[in-house]
């Protein structure tokens, strides 16, 4: 009998390998994708409702105001592939505006959270075929078999998650997305809609990643809690604190877990020691200009077809062709 692959075990093994590799570095870090287990996804959705966190409400207002223009940009009967689907609330705005969409394929690393979101979309749009994919969209993965080949495909990447990727990672992701949406028998090349957080004043940026209620802190600290509960590591969870800082060289807000005093994390025979004040870098949220994002997209073979922004130009939604 053939052994069947176990996606959960593979995810756990990849998580373990990333933790050991990341904490072994002189400047300790962990990939931001591991922030998003089911608990992390719940906390992030709570973050999006905070008064300090402007990106979600700003992008949502753009989507609501420009939904018809975006639907025209996409065209009729499309297959919509969403990367990092989360709660899919913004997606519902676009789906409602689209002309007879054929399939919605949401992709997310948090399986239970993804399936709950897919069920909510199905409840609102019962006529729409929904094909969820549990996968890490920052790595190669297979789309569901049997997606329509005669329909245009559109990649949808709302939020500011493109900013979590280093430039070479963003180009690789955009190239992967282009591979997913091109190459059908639709007769037209695929398209994409991508959310991009724009450069703005520092006070606004830092407040968005260090809210007064401490929800972002809980989101960041949940990553270390995952290391303990899922991998069996030994660590003092109260020995670390959340910190947001600005990195001007990267044009990025960084999230760190800071050791309050000398700390140790033990995992699989490894002992990772921390000095007081030493950090684990968990996420970078890069802020772009429209022109800078256009250059990034061009490196992956895309052109900026449309750009929709709010009145203050705090956020942009880019249509790629």
Protein backbone atom coordinates (compact mmCIF):
# COMPACT_ATOMS: atom_id res chain seq x y z
CA UNK A 1 0.00 0.00 0.00
CA UNK A 2 1.32 3.45 -0.92
CA UNK A 3 1.91 5.95 1.87
CA UNK A 4 -0.43 8.88 1.55
CA UNK A 5 1.09 12.36 2.02
CA UNK A 6 0.13 14.15 5.20
CA UNK A 7 -0.12 17.91 4.50
CA UNK A 8 -0.36 18.78 8.21
CA UNK A 9 2.79 16.82 9.01
CA UNK A 10 4.60 18.41 6.06
CA UNK A 11 3.58 21.86 7.30
CA UNK A 12 4.81 21.06 10.80
CA UNK A 13 8.13 19.78 9.47
CA UNK A 14 8.57 22.93 7.40
CA UNK A 15 7.69 25.08 10.42
CA UNK A 16 10.23 23.21 12.57
CA UNK A 17 12.96 23.59 9.93
CA UNK A 18 12.28 27.33 9.57
CA UNK A 19 12.37 27.86 13.34
CA UNK A 20 15.67 26.02 13.79
CA UNK A 21 17.24 27.78 10.81
CA UNK A 22 15.91 31.22 11.73
CA UNK A 23 16.89 31.10 15.40
CA UNK A 24 20.37 29.83 14.47
CA UNK A 25 21.15 33.06 12.62
CA UNK A 26 23.24 35.83 14.24
CA UNK A 27 20.26 38.14 13.64
CA UNK A 28 17.38 35.86 14.60
CA UNK A 29 14.26 35.86 12.43
CA UNK A 30 11.22 33.77 11.55
CA UNK A 31 9.24 33.86 8.27
CA UNK A 32 6.10 35.94 8.58
CA UNK A 33 3.93 33.24 6.97
CA UNK A 34 4.00 31.32 10.28
CA UNK A 35 2.11 34.16 11.97
CA UNK A 36 -1.05 32.85 10.27
CA UNK A 37 -2.29 29.73 11.98
CA UNK A 38 -6.01 29.73 12.81
CA UNK A 39 -5.44 31.78 15.98
CA UNK A 40 -3.11 34.17 14.17
CA UNK A 41 -5.65 34.60 11.38
CA UNK A 42 -8.36 35.40 13.94
CA UNK A 43 -6.11 37.98 15.57
CA UNK A 44 -5.23 39.53 12.23
CA UNK A 45 -8.90 39.90 11.37
CA UNK A 46 -9.31 41.70 14.70
CA UNK A 47 -6.37 43.95 13.78
CA UNK A 48 -8.12 44.95 10.57
CA UNK A 49 -10.97 46.41 12.64
CA UNK A 50 -8.74 48.55 14.89
CA UNK A 51 -8.86 52.36 14.55
CA UNK A 52 -5.09 52.53 14.06
CA UNK A 53 -5.04 49.99 11.23
CA UNK A 54 -5.92 52.13 8.20
CA UNK A 55 -5.05 49.69 5.33
CA UNK A 56 -8.16 47.50 5.51
CA UNK A 57 -10.78 50.25 5.75
CA UNK A 58 -8.96 52.35 3.13
CA UNK A 59 -8.68 49.48 0.66
CA UNK A 60 -12.27 48.44 1.35
CA UNK A 61 -13.47 51.95 0.51
CA UNK A 62 -11.51 51.83 -2.76
CA UNK A 63 -13.04 48.46 -3.63
CA UNK A 64 -16.55 49.69 -2.88
CA UNK A 65 -16.09 52.87 -4.92
CA UNK A 66 -14.32 51.20 -7.84
CA UNK A 67 -15.98 47.76 -7.89
CA UNK A 68 -17.64 48.30 -11.27
CA UNK A 69 -14.40 49.55 -12.83
CA UNK A 70 -12.52 46.57 -11.41
CA UNK A 71 -15.19 44.18 -12.70
CA UNK A 72 -14.86 45.71 -16.17
CA UNK A 73 -11.08 45.33 -15.89
CA UNK A 74 -11.49 41.63 -15.04
CA UNK A 75 -14.09 40.85 -17.71
CA UNK A 76 -16.98 38.36 -17.62
CA UNK A 77 -17.06 34.73 -16.46
CA UNK A 78 -13.64 34.83 -14.84
CA UNK A 79 -11.97 32.32 -12.56
CA UNK A 80 -10.89 34.36 -9.53
CA UNK A 81 -7.85 33.06 -7.62
CA UNK A 82 -7.28 34.79 -4.28
CA UNK A 83 -3.94 34.47 -2.51
CA UNK A 84 -3.90 34.65 1.31
CA UNK A 85 -7.67 34.68 1.34
CA UNK A 86 -8.17 35.31 5.07
CA UNK A 87 -11.78 36.11 5.83
CA UNK A 88 -12.51 36.92 2.15
CA UNK A 89 -14.66 39.93 3.12
CA UNK A 90 -13.09 42.25 0.53
CA UNK A 91 -13.44 39.50 -2.04
CA UNK A 92 -17.19 39.51 -1.61
CA UNK A 93 -17.26 43.13 -2.80
CA UNK A 94 -15.46 42.17 -6.01
CA UNK A 95 -17.43 38.95 -6.57
CA UNK A 96 -20.72 40.84 -6.22
CA UNK A 97 -19.61 43.24 -8.97
CA UNK A 98 -18.21 40.64 -11.39
CA UNK A 99 -20.23 39.58 -14.43
CA UNK A 100 -21.09 35.89 -14.03
CA UNK A 101 -17.88 34.72 -12.36
CA UNK A 102 -17.27 31.03 -12.98
CA UNK A 103 -15.05 29.85 -10.11
CA UNK A 104 -13.60 31.28 -6.91
CA UNK A 105 -10.38 29.57 -5.75
CA UNK A 106 -9.21 30.98 -2.40
CA UNK A 107 -5.69 30.00 -1.24
CA UNK A 108 -4.55 30.19 2.39
CA UNK A 109 -2.13 28.43 4.72
CA UNK A 110 -4.63 28.28 7.63
CA UNK A 111 -6.91 25.40 6.63
CA UNK A 112 -9.76 25.66 9.13
CA UNK A 113 -9.93 29.43 8.76
CA UNK A 114 -9.92 29.11 4.95
CA UNK A 115 -12.74 26.57 4.90
CA UNK A 116 -14.86 28.72 7.21
CA UNK A 117 -14.32 31.71 4.93
CA UNK A 118 -15.12 29.63 1.84
CA UNK A 119 -18.36 28.47 3.48
CA UNK A 120 -19.33 32.08 4.17
CA UNK A 121 -18.72 33.04 0.53
CA UNK A 122 -20.71 30.00 -0.61
CA UNK A 123 -23.58 31.02 1.63
CA UNK A 124 -23.72 34.47 0.02
CA UNK A 125 -23.11 33.26 -3.55
CA UNK A 126 -24.62 29.75 -3.65
CA UNK A 127 -24.45 29.64 -7.47
CA UNK A 128 -20.65 30.18 -7.51
CA UNK A 129 -18.29 27.20 -7.71
CA UNK A 130 -15.75 27.48 -4.89
CA UNK A 131 -12.49 25.50 -4.93
CA UNK A 132 -10.42 26.29 -1.78
CA UNK A 133 -6.71 25.43 -1.71
CA UNK A 134 -4.81 24.94 1.56
CA UNK A 135 -1.28 26.00 0.62
CA UNK A 136 1.53 28.44 1.29
CA UNK A 137 1.15 30.86 -1.60
CA UNK A 138 4.75 32.07 -1.19
CA UNK A 139 5.95 28.68 -2.47
CA UNK A 140 5.01 26.64 -5.52
CA UNK A 141 1.65 24.89 -5.24
CA UNK A 142 -0.87 23.29 -7.60
CA UNK A 143 -4.17 24.87 -8.48
CA UNK A 144 -7.25 22.62 -8.27
CA UNK A 145 -7.69 20.31 -11.23
CA UNK A 146 -10.47 21.00 -13.66
CA UNK A 147 -10.53 24.80 -13.51
CA UNK A 148 -12.21 26.15 -16.65
CA UNK A 149 -9.75 26.54 -19.51
CA UNK A 150 -11.98 28.79 -21.60
CA UNK A 151 -12.33 31.49 -18.95
CA UNK A 152 -9.93 34.30 -18.18
CA UNK A 153 -8.21 33.86 -14.83
CA UNK A 154 -7.66 36.79 -12.48
CA UNK A 155 -5.30 36.73 -9.51
CA UNK A 156 -6.54 38.69 -6.49
CA UNK A 157 -4.11 39.72 -3.76
CA UNK A 158 -5.78 42.36 -1.57
CA UNK A 159 -4.41 43.80 1.63
CA UNK A 160 -0.83 44.98 1.99
CA UNK A 161 0.69 41.48 2.08
CA UNK A 162 2.86 42.16 -0.97
CA UNK A 163 4.81 44.42 1.40
CA UNK A 164 5.64 41.45 3.65
CA UNK A 165 7.76 40.02 0.85
CA UNK A 166 11.35 41.05 0.15
CA UNK A 167 11.76 42.43 -3.38
CA UNK A 168 13.06 39.14 -4.80
CA UNK A 169 10.25 37.25 -3.04
CA UNK A 170 7.64 39.68 -4.37
CA UNK A 171 8.94 39.25 -7.93
CA UNK A 172 8.89 35.45 -7.52
CA UNK A 173 5.32 35.58 -6.17
CA UNK A 174 4.10 37.87 -8.96
CA UNK A 175 5.77 35.60 -11.51
CA UNK A 176 4.06 32.55 -9.94
CA UNK A 177 0.74 34.38 -10.09
CA UNK A 178 1.32 35.20 -13.76
CA UNK A 179 1.97 31.51 -14.41
CA UNK A 180 -1.32 30.64 -12.70
CA UNK A 181 -3.46 33.07 -14.70
CA UNK A 182 -1.78 32.81 -18.11
CA UNK A 183 -1.67 29.81 -20.39
CA UNK A 184 -5.40 29.00 -20.58
CA UNK A 185 -7.43 28.59 -23.77
CA UNK A 186 -9.37 31.76 -23.01
CA UNK A 187 -7.69 33.63 -25.86
CA UNK A 188 -6.73 36.49 -23.53
CA UNK A 189 -3.87 36.76 -21.06
CA UNK A 190 -4.74 36.64 -17.38
CA UNK A 191 -4.91 39.67 -15.14
CA UNK A 192 -4.33 40.50 -11.48
CA UNK A 193 -5.55 42.94 -8.85
CA UNK A 194 -3.07 43.66 -6.05
CA UNK A 195 -3.34 45.84 -2.93
CA UNK A 196 -0.34 48.08 -2.22
CA UNK A 197 0.22 50.14 0.92
CA UNK A 198 1.84 53.46 0.05
CA UNK A 199 4.54 55.49 1.81
CA UNK A 200 3.17 57.97 4.37
CA UNK A 201 4.03 59.70 7.65
CA UNK A 202 5.89 57.64 10.25
CA UNK A 203 3.47 58.19 13.15
CA UNK A 204 0.58 56.70 11.16
CA UNK A 205 2.67 53.76 10.04
CA UNK A 206 3.99 52.81 13.48
CA UNK A 207 0.59 53.14 15.18
CA UNK A 208 -0.88 50.68 12.66
CA UNK A 209 1.57 48.00 13.87
CA UNK A 210 1.50 48.78 17.60
CA UNK A 211 -2.10 49.46 18.56
CA UNK A 212 -3.16 50.72 21.97
CA UNK A 213 -5.31 47.64 22.67
CA UNK A 214 -2.37 45.26 22.23
CA UNK A 215 -3.98 43.12 19.53
CA UNK A 216 -0.95 43.34 17.24
CA UNK A 217 1.26 42.39 20.18
CA UNK A 218 -0.88 39.29 20.78
CA UNK A 219 -0.69 38.46 17.06
CA UNK A 220 3.10 38.67 17.09
CA UNK A 221 3.52 36.77 20.37
CA UNK A 222 1.23 34.01 19.07
CA UNK A 223 4.05 32.98 16.76
CA UNK A 224 6.25 32.11 19.72
CA UNK A 225 3.31 30.38 21.37
CA UNK A 226 2.97 28.24 18.21
CA UNK A 227 6.61 27.19 18.52
CA UNK A 228 5.83 25.92 22.02
CA UNK A 229 2.46 24.26 21.47
CA UNK A 230 3.06 22.77 18.01
CA UNK A 231 6.76 21.92 18.11
CA UNK A 232 7.16 21.18 21.83
CA UNK A 233 9.73 23.92 22.39
CA UNK A 234 10.54 25.23 25.86
CA UNK A 235 10.34 29.01 26.20
CA UNK A 236 9.15 31.66 28.63
CA UNK A 237 6.35 33.30 26.68
CA UNK A 238 6.25 36.16 29.17
CA UNK A 239 9.95 36.81 28.59
CA UNK A 240 9.36 38.47 25.20
CA UNK A 241 7.55 41.65 24.16
CA UNK A 242 6.25 42.99 20.85
CA UNK A 243 7.97 45.95 19.20
CA UNK A 244 7.32 47.81 15.94
CA UNK A 245 10.17 49.79 14.42
CA UNK A 246 10.86 51.67 11.18
CA UNK A 247 13.63 50.52 8.85
CA UNK A 248 14.31 53.44 6.47
CA UNK A 249 16.71 51.44 4.27
CA UNK A 250 13.90 48.96 3.50
CA UNK A 251 11.07 51.53 3.66
CA UNK A 252 9.44 49.05 6.04
CA UNK A 253 7.76 48.76 9.40
CA UNK A 254 9.33 45.76 11.12
CA UNK A 255 7.79 43.62 13.86
CA UNK A 256 10.12 42.12 16.44
CA UNK A 257 9.85 39.94 19.54
CA UNK A 258 12.23 41.47 22.07
CA UNK A 259 13.77 39.50 24.94
CA UNK A 260 12.96 41.40 28.17
CA UNK A 261 15.92 39.74 29.89
CA UNK A 262 18.33 36.90 29.13
CA UNK A 263 16.23 34.08 27.62
CA UNK A 264 16.55 30.58 26.17
CA UNK A 265 14.41 28.68 23.68
CA UNK A 266 15.00 24.92 23.60
CA UNK A 267 13.89 22.82 20.63
CA UNK A 268 14.97 19.34 19.48
CA UNK A 269 18.29 19.47 21.32
CA UNK A 270 19.04 23.03 20.19
CA UNK A 271 19.42 25.82 22.73
CA UNK A 272 18.92 29.33 21.37
CA UNK A 273 20.17 31.97 23.80
CA UNK A 274 19.10 35.61 23.85
CA UNK A 275 20.69 38.62 25.48
CA UNK A 276 18.36 41.17 27.07
CA UNK A 277 17.11 43.36 24.23
CA UNK A 278 17.94 40.84 21.51
CA UNK A 279 15.09 40.28 19.04
CA UNK A 280 13.43 37.83 16.70
CA UNK A 281 12.46 39.68 13.51
CA UNK A 282 9.04 38.29 12.53
CA UNK A 283 7.69 40.54 9.79
CA UNK A 284 8.56 43.43 7.49
CA UNK A 285 5.77 45.50 5.96
CA UNK A 286 7.33 47.41 3.10
CA UNK A 287 5.67 50.59 1.88
CA UNK A 288 5.77 51.36 -1.84
CA UNK A 289 5.25 54.19 -4.25
CA UNK A 290 3.07 53.46 -7.27
CA UNK A 291 6.11 53.87 -9.52
CA UNK A 292 8.21 51.55 -7.34
CA UNK A 293 5.54 48.86 -7.36
CA UNK A 294 5.26 49.21 -11.12
CA UNK A 295 8.96 48.41 -11.45
CA UNK A 296 8.53 45.40 -9.17
CA UNK A 297 5.64 44.10 -11.27
CA UNK A 298 7.54 44.71 -14.50
CA UNK A 299 10.36 42.50 -13.24
CA UNK A 300 7.80 39.65 -13.16
CA UNK A 301 6.49 40.41 -16.64
CA UNK A 302 3.44 42.51 -15.67
CA UNK A 303 2.40 46.00 -16.75
CA UNK A 304 0.38 48.44 -14.65
CA UNK A 305 -2.93 48.56 -16.47
CA UNK A 306 -4.96 50.49 -13.89
CA UNK A 307 -4.32 52.09 -10.50
CA UNK A 308 -7.11 52.99 -8.10
CA UNK A 309 -6.36 55.02 -4.95
CA UNK A 310 -8.18 56.82 -2.15
CA UNK A 311 -8.36 60.62 -2.04
CA UNK A 312 -5.37 60.85 0.31
CA UNK A 313 -3.33 58.38 -1.75
CA UNK A 314 -2.65 56.29 1.36
CA UNK A 315 -3.32 53.01 -0.41
CA UNK A 316 -3.45 51.77 -4.00
CA UNK A 317 -5.15 48.89 -5.74
CA UNK A 318 -3.21 48.00 -8.88
CA UNK A 319 -4.64 46.25 -11.93
CA UNK A 320 -1.92 44.24 -13.68
CA UNK A 321 -2.01 43.09 -17.31
